[in-house]
Amino acid sequence: MVVGLLELDLHMPECSSLKDKRKIVKSIAGRIRSKHNISVGEMGSKDLWQRALIGFACVSQTEHDAKKLFGRIEQEIFDMHLVDKINRRVSIFTSND
């Protein structure tokens, strides 16, 4: 079993308030959560209008599957044309069983 974590540090240039930011983050989280059935949550930069750190967690059979899923998720997010990527981090945890 493999647990994967994707962290995306995002810039949202169109946001002029926390309300604008929350709307975009909620839209991204809802779309990804429903389409891929994974956990999504805002992890940081909660008080900044134009930045968000969003985390995505999945369980899969192989590291390759987790990384492939994260690639699709990133592409879907950037195809929405709402955010720019500042930083990306992937962590993979494997079970020894």
Protein backbone atom coordinates (compact mmCIF):
# COMPACT_ATOMS: atom_id res chain seq x y z
CA MET A 1 0.00 0.00 0.00
CA VAL A 2 1.21 3.50 -0.85
CA VAL A 3 0.02 6.81 0.61
CA GLY A 4 0.76 9.86 -1.50
CA LEU A 5 0.65 13.52 -0.58
CA LEU A 6 0.72 16.35 -3.12
CA GLU A 7 1.19 19.90 -1.86
CA LEU A 8 0.60 22.76 -4.28
CA ASP A 9 1.54 26.31 -3.36
CA LEU A 10 -0.66 28.41 -5.63
CA HIS A 11 -0.89 32.06 -6.65
CA MET A 12 -4.32 33.47 -7.49
CA PRO A 13 -3.71 36.82 -9.22
CA GLU A 14 -7.39 37.66 -9.68
CA CYS A 15 -8.27 37.53 -5.97
CA SER A 16 -8.87 40.84 -4.23
CA SER A 17 -10.26 39.44 -0.97
CA LEU A 18 -10.30 36.34 1.19
CA LYS A 19 -13.83 35.72 -0.07
CA ASP A 20 -12.53 35.53 -3.66
CA LYS A 21 -9.77 33.18 -2.57
CA ARG A 22 -12.12 30.86 -0.65
CA LYS A 23 -14.39 30.62 -3.68
CA ILE A 24 -11.52 29.44 -5.88
CA VAL A 25 -10.12 27.03 -3.28
CA LYS A 26 -13.58 25.58 -2.67
CA SER A 27 -14.14 25.17 -6.41
CA ILE A 28 -10.81 23.36 -6.87
CA ALA A 29 -11.32 21.14 -3.83
CA GLY A 30 -14.88 20.20 -4.77
CA ARG A 31 -14.03 19.36 -8.36
CA ILE A 32 -10.97 17.25 -7.51
CA ARG A 33 -12.62 15.54 -4.53
CA SER A 34 -15.68 14.47 -6.53
CA LYS A 35 -13.81 13.41 -9.66
CA HIS A 36 -10.98 11.48 -8.01
CA ASN A 37 -12.40 10.55 -4.59
CA ILE A 38 -9.33 11.76 -2.67
CA SER A 39 -8.79 13.96 0.38
CA VAL A 40 -8.27 17.67 -0.25
CA GLY A 41 -7.61 20.48 2.20
CA GLU A 42 -6.16 23.94 2.48
CA MET A 43 -2.95 23.57 4.50
CA GLY A 44 -1.49 27.05 4.73
CA SER A 45 -1.45 30.69 3.65
CA LYS A 46 -4.99 30.96 4.96
CA ASP A 47 -4.79 34.70 5.67
CA LEU A 48 -3.23 35.69 2.35
CA TRP A 49 -5.56 36.84 -0.42
CA GLN A 50 -3.61 35.60 -3.40
CA ARG A 51 -1.84 32.49 -2.06
CA ALA A 52 -3.02 29.05 -1.03
CA LEU A 53 -1.28 25.88 0.02
CA ILE A 54 -3.56 22.99 -0.89
CA GLY A 55 -2.88 19.36 0.00
CA PHE A 56 -4.15 16.25 -1.77
CA ALA A 57 -3.83 12.77 -0.25
CA CYS A 58 -4.44 9.41 -1.88
CA VAL A 59 -3.99 5.71 -1.23
CA SER A 60 -2.90 3.52 -4.13
CA GLN A 61 -1.22 0.24 -4.90
CA THR A 62 1.99 1.64 -6.37
CA GLU A 63 4.07 4.80 -6.22
CA HIS A 64 3.69 5.13 -9.99
CA ASP A 65 -0.12 5.14 -9.70
CA ALA A 66 -0.04 7.88 -7.05
CA LYS A 67 2.32 10.08 -9.06
CA LYS A 68 0.26 9.56 -12.22
CA LEU A 69 -2.91 10.60 -10.36
CA PHE A 70 -1.19 13.70 -8.99
CA GLY A 71 -0.09 14.66 -12.50
CA ARG A 72 -3.69 14.45 -13.74
CA ILE A 73 -4.93 16.49 -10.78
CA GLU A 74 -2.37 19.23 -11.41
CA GLN A 75 -3.28 19.39 -15.08
CA GLU A 76 -6.99 19.68 -14.27
CA ILE A 77 -6.34 22.49 -11.79
CA PHE A 78 -4.23 24.51 -14.23
CA ASP A 79 -6.69 23.88 -17.06
CA MET A 80 -9.22 25.86 -14.97
CA HIS A 81 -7.02 28.98 -15.55
CA LEU A 82 -7.65 30.31 -12.03
CA VAL A 83 -4.23 29.81 -10.46
CA ASP A 84 -0.50 29.82 -11.13
CA LYS A 85 1.85 27.30 -9.55
CA ILE A 86 4.53 28.61 -7.22
CA ASN A 87 5.77 25.33 -5.79
CA ARG A 88 4.96 21.62 -5.85
CA ARG A 89 5.93 18.87 -3.44
CA VAL A 90 5.12 15.16 -3.58
CA SER A 91 5.69 12.80 -0.66
CA ILE A 92 5.23 9.04 -0.95
CA PHE A 93 4.90 6.74 2.05
CA THR A 94 5.03 2.98 1.57
CA SER A 95 3.94 0.18 3.88
CA ASN A 96 6.40 -2.59 4.66
CA ASP A 97 3.66 -5.22 4.85
